Amino acid sequence: MVNPVAHQEHQELTTAERARTILAAADTLTLTLTTTTEARLRLDCVGLYAVDAASRLILLDPADPRLTAALATAPHSGLAAYAEFTDVAPVVVRDRVRARLAFSGRLGGAGPDTLVFRPARAAFAEDDSVRVLDVTELAAAAPDPLAGVEAELLSHLDTGHADLLVQLAEMVGELDLSDVADIRPVRLDRRGLVLRLERAADEYEDVRITFHTHAIGPHEVGHRIQELLDVAAARAHR
């Protein structure tokens, strides 16, 4: 469960932005293919080159002989395929899977060592909800500017700033921290930070702390966090 701390109208990334952020940070995906003989292949593919303006995923060819043979006999439209990306928290916690992004579409070759996946449908799954995405909306969305450094920033917060995480959690109104054993940072984007409050008996709660001002790059994250603390301190002294 995510308990939001709202400071502005839009405290979360849009679903399309979340999806593009997952793609921007992804280095592996799982492909499930249906060949012309109706056989099914399941492959792990390492390497996502890009998402182009036509919503196509440009992938590194895993050079699997089964896939090579299947593509050699595939129709011009390619093979029916299903691609799944798993968004995993970089900090080691229970239930590290934050979201899953899945595409159905057609897969074909696009030159040496390169595949192209043309999605027809996309779905974003988080917790117990699944949201269908329009692929043109996905192509138009921009990944979060912190996508490439989120893991590094979260690890830094996790290992060196336990006291700061406690201060941020204390800002959440009507939240009982008396039985919280640990506080871990599990997601970060330009709009805010998600903290995991680990309680006894393997229970936990995720809370989102929203920045007052968006972070336009990694260098601003510290300033945005300090801004939260400064505002909270000012309110406490009124």
Protein backbone atom coordinates (compact mmCIF):
# COMPACT_ATOMS: atom_id res chain seq x y z
CA MET A 1 0.00 0.00 0.00
CA VAL A 2 1.29 3.45 -0.88
CA ASN A 3 0.31 6.28 1.42
CA PRO A 4 0.90 9.60 -0.41
CA VAL A 5 2.13 12.84 1.10
CA ALA A 6 0.70 15.44 -1.28
CA HIS A 7 2.39 18.80 -1.81
CA GLN A 8 1.22 19.49 -5.36
CA GLU A 9 -1.45 18.42 -7.82
CA HIS A 10 0.66 15.84 -9.65
CA GLN A 11 2.64 13.85 -7.12
CA GLU A 12 3.25 10.73 -9.23
CA LEU A 13 4.61 10.13 -12.70
CA THR A 14 1.95 9.22 -15.23
CA THR A 15 1.62 5.54 -16.10
CA ALA A 16 3.21 6.20 -19.50
CA GLU A 17 6.13 7.99 -17.82
CA ARG A 18 6.57 5.10 -15.37
CA ALA A 19 6.62 2.68 -18.29
CA ARG A 20 9.14 4.73 -20.28
CA THR A 21 11.30 5.02 -17.18
CA ILE A 22 11.31 1.23 -16.80
CA LEU A 23 12.38 0.92 -20.43
CA ALA A 24 15.10 3.54 -20.00
CA ALA A 25 16.64 1.68 -17.08
CA ALA A 26 16.08 -1.88 -18.34
CA ASP A 27 18.96 -4.11 -19.32
CA THR A 28 17.07 -7.41 -19.60
CA LEU A 29 13.68 -8.60 -20.75
CA THR A 30 11.89 -11.87 -21.35
CA LEU A 31 10.60 -12.71 -24.83
CA THR A 32 7.96 -15.34 -25.49
CA LEU A 33 7.48 -16.13 -29.19
CA THR A 34 5.08 -18.18 -31.25
CA THR A 35 6.82 -19.63 -34.31
CA THR A 36 5.28 -20.45 -37.68
CA THR A 37 4.97 -24.08 -36.53
CA GLU A 38 3.01 -22.92 -33.45
CA ALA A 39 5.92 -23.81 -31.15
CA ARG A 40 6.57 -21.43 -28.27
CA LEU A 41 10.02 -20.09 -27.39
CA ARG A 42 10.89 -18.29 -24.17
CA LEU A 43 14.13 -16.31 -24.21
CA ASP A 44 15.96 -13.93 -21.94
CA CYS A 45 17.21 -10.98 -23.96
CA VAL A 46 19.95 -8.70 -22.64
CA GLY A 47 20.13 -5.24 -24.11
CA LEU A 48 17.50 -2.65 -24.99
CA TYR A 49 18.86 -0.18 -27.50
CA ALA A 50 16.01 2.30 -27.70
CA VAL A 51 12.34 3.06 -28.07
CA ASP A 52 11.91 4.89 -31.37
CA ALA A 53 9.35 7.47 -32.45
CA ALA A 54 7.09 4.73 -33.82
CA SER A 55 6.92 3.03 -30.38
CA ARG A 56 9.11 0.17 -31.57
CA LEU A 57 11.56 -1.48 -29.17
CA ILE A 58 15.01 -1.91 -30.67
CA LEU A 59 16.64 -4.94 -29.03
CA LEU A 60 19.97 -6.71 -29.02
CA ASP A 61 19.63 -10.07 -30.77
CA PRO A 62 20.33 -12.83 -28.18
CA ALA A 63 21.81 -14.99 -31.00
CA ASP A 64 19.82 -18.02 -29.93
CA PRO A 65 19.80 -20.64 -32.74
CA ARG A 66 16.12 -21.40 -32.08
CA LEU A 67 15.23 -17.74 -32.60
CA THR A 68 17.45 -17.47 -35.68
CA ALA A 69 15.70 -20.46 -37.24
CA ALA A 70 12.25 -19.12 -36.34
CA LEU A 71 12.96 -15.68 -37.83
CA ALA A 72 14.33 -17.26 -41.01
CA THR A 73 10.90 -18.72 -41.78
CA ALA A 74 8.81 -15.89 -40.32
CA PRO A 75 6.44 -13.85 -42.48
CA HIS A 76 7.30 -10.27 -43.39
CA SER A 77 5.28 -9.02 -40.40
CA GLY A 78 7.49 -11.01 -38.02
CA LEU A 79 6.64 -13.45 -35.25
CA ALA A 80 3.86 -13.04 -32.72
CA ALA A 81 5.66 -12.15 -29.50
CA TYR A 82 5.19 -11.11 -25.90
CA ALA A 83 7.85 -9.02 -24.12
CA GLU A 84 7.98 -8.52 -20.36
CA PHE A 85 10.13 -6.12 -18.34
CA THR A 86 10.38 -6.44 -14.57
CA ASP A 87 11.10 -3.32 -12.51
CA VAL A 88 13.10 -4.39 -9.45
CA ALA A 89 14.05 -2.14 -6.53
CA PRO A 90 17.85 -1.71 -6.46
CA VAL A 91 17.81 -1.83 -2.65
CA VAL A 92 17.62 -5.36 -1.22
CA VAL A 93 14.23 -5.60 0.50
CA ARG A 94 11.37 -8.09 0.63
CA ASP A 95 9.10 -8.01 -2.43
CA ARG A 96 11.57 -6.16 -4.62
CA VAL A 97 9.41 -6.23 -7.75
CA ARG A 98 7.95 -2.73 -8.06
CA ALA A 99 6.09 -3.16 -11.35
CA ARG A 100 5.91 -5.20 -14.54
CA LEU A 101 5.59 -3.87 -18.06
CA ALA A 102 4.35 -6.21 -20.81
CA PHE A 103 3.92 -5.84 -24.56
CA SER A 104 2.24 -8.01 -27.16
CA GLY A 105 3.11 -7.50 -30.79
CA ARG A 106 5.39 -8.71 -33.58
CA LEU A 107 9.13 -9.39 -33.52
CA GLY A 108 11.43 -9.32 -36.54
CA GLY A 109 15.01 -8.79 -37.57
CA ALA A 110 16.39 -5.29 -38.16
CA GLY A 111 19.92 -5.81 -39.35
CA PRO A 112 23.01 -7.43 -37.85
CA ASP A 113 22.64 -8.28 -34.14
CA THR A 114 19.44 -6.26 -33.88
CA LEU A 115 15.76 -7.10 -33.41
CA VAL A 116 12.77 -4.84 -33.65
CA PHE A 117 9.63 -5.42 -31.59
CA ARG A 118 6.47 -3.67 -32.83
CA PRO A 119 4.04 -3.53 -29.91
CA ALA A 120 0.30 -3.57 -30.51
CA ARG A 121 -0.67 -3.49 -26.86
CA ALA A 122 1.05 -2.56 -23.60
CA ALA A 123 0.06 -3.23 -19.99
CA PHE A 124 1.53 -1.84 -16.77
CA ALA A 125 1.03 -3.97 -13.62
CA GLU A 126 1.64 -2.67 -10.11
CA ASP A 127 0.43 -4.23 -6.85
CA ASP A 128 -2.95 -5.74 -7.75
CA SER A 129 -3.81 -3.40 -10.62
CA VAL A 130 -3.18 -3.61 -14.35
CA ARG A 131 -3.47 -0.59 -16.63
CA VAL A 132 -3.57 -0.84 -20.42
CA LEU A 133 -1.39 1.70 -22.20
CA ASP A 134 -1.80 3.26 -25.60
CA VAL A 135 1.47 2.61 -27.45
CA THR A 136 1.43 6.06 -29.06
CA GLU A 137 1.07 7.63 -25.61
CA LEU A 138 4.00 5.51 -24.45
CA ALA A 139 6.16 6.69 -27.34
CA ALA A 140 5.31 10.33 -26.61
CA ALA A 141 6.17 10.06 -22.90
CA ALA A 142 9.66 10.90 -21.66
CA PRO A 143 11.54 8.75 -19.15
CA ASP A 144 12.21 10.27 -15.77
CA PRO A 145 15.52 12.19 -15.75
CA LEU A 146 16.72 10.20 -12.73
CA ALA A 147 16.21 6.79 -14.38
CA GLY A 148 19.86 6.17 -15.12
CA VAL A 149 21.10 7.07 -11.63
CA GLU A 150 18.17 6.00 -9.45
CA ALA A 151 19.93 2.84 -8.26
CA GLU A 152 23.05 4.77 -7.24
CA LEU A 153 21.07 7.48 -5.44
CA LEU A 154 18.86 5.00 -3.57
CA SER A 155 21.89 2.97 -2.49
CA HIS A 156 23.53 6.15 -1.21
CA LEU A 157 20.45 7.08 0.81
CA ASP A 158 20.08 3.54 2.11
CA THR A 159 23.65 3.08 3.33
CA GLY A 160 24.55 6.56 4.51
CA HIS A 161 21.45 8.48 5.55
CA ALA A 162 19.31 6.41 7.90
CA ASP A 163 18.66 9.45 10.09
CA LEU A 164 17.45 11.48 7.14
CA LEU A 165 15.02 8.69 6.14
CA VAL A 166 13.55 8.75 9.64
CA GLN A 167 13.05 12.52 9.42
CA LEU A 168 11.28 12.16 6.08
CA ALA A 169 9.01 9.40 7.39
CA GLU A 170 8.11 11.55 10.39
CA MET A 171 6.70 14.13 7.98
CA VAL A 172 3.88 11.77 6.99
CA GLY A 173 0.81 12.87 8.92
CA GLU A 174 -1.04 10.40 11.14
CA LEU A 175 1.55 7.70 10.59
CA ASP A 176 2.50 5.53 13.57
CA LEU A 177 6.23 4.75 13.49
CA SER A 178 6.38 3.12 16.93
CA ASP A 179 6.60 -0.42 15.56
CA VAL A 180 8.76 0.37 12.51
CA ALA A 181 12.00 -1.60 12.66
CA ASP A 182 13.65 -0.12 9.57
CA ILE A 183 13.06 2.49 6.86
CA ARG A 184 14.39 1.84 3.36
CA PRO A 185 14.23 3.95 0.17
CA VAL A 186 12.72 1.85 -2.65
CA ARG A 187 11.88 4.29 -5.46
CA LEU A 188 13.00 7.74 -6.57
CA ASP A 189 11.94 10.01 -9.42
CA ARG A 190 11.87 13.71 -10.17
CA ARG A 191 8.59 14.14 -8.29
CA GLY A 192 9.44 12.33 -5.07
CA LEU A 193 10.66 9.38 -3.06
CA VAL A 194 9.01 6.16 -1.86
CA LEU A 195 10.05 4.83 1.56
CA ARG A 196 9.38 1.32 2.82
CA LEU A 197 8.50 1.09 6.50
CA GLU A 198 9.43 -2.41 7.63
CA ARG A 199 7.47 -3.61 10.63
CA ALA A 200 7.43 -6.77 12.72
CA ALA A 201 6.17 -10.10 11.37
CA ASP A 202 7.40 -9.36 7.84
CA GLU A 203 4.84 -6.57 7.39
CA TYR A 204 5.65 -3.35 5.61
CA GLU A 205 4.07 -0.20 4.24
CA ASP A 206 5.24 1.99 1.36
CA VAL A 207 4.78 5.75 1.70
CA ARG A 208 5.45 8.36 -0.95
CA ILE A 209 7.10 11.66 -0.04
CA THR A 210 6.44 14.23 -2.74
CA PHE A 211 8.97 16.96 -3.47
CA HIS A 212 7.78 20.56 -3.35
CA THR A 213 9.70 21.21 -6.58
CA HIS A 214 10.62 18.70 -9.27
CA ALA A 215 14.24 17.59 -9.50
CA ILE A 216 15.38 18.23 -13.06
CA GLY A 217 18.52 16.13 -12.60
CA PRO A 218 20.53 14.03 -10.10
CA HIS A 219 22.35 17.08 -8.74
CA GLU A 220 19.05 18.49 -7.46
CA VAL A 221 17.87 15.49 -5.41
CA GLY A 222 19.73 16.58 -2.28
CA HIS A 223 18.30 20.09 -2.60
CA ARG A 224 14.76 18.78 -3.01
CA ILE A 225 15.09 16.61 0.11
CA GLN A 226 16.57 19.49 2.10
CA GLU A 227 13.71 21.69 0.93
CA LEU A 228 11.23 19.19 2.42
CA LEU A 229 13.08 19.16 5.73
CA ASP A 230 13.33 22.96 5.84
CA VAL A 231 9.60 23.41 5.23
CA ALA A 232 8.75 20.81 7.88
CA ALA A 233 11.06 22.52 10.39
CA ALA A 234 9.53 25.92 9.66
CA ARG A 235 6.02 24.58 10.23
CA ALA A 236 7.06 22.92 13.49
CA HIS A 237 8.24 26.28 14.88
CA ARG A 238 5.07 28.20 14.06
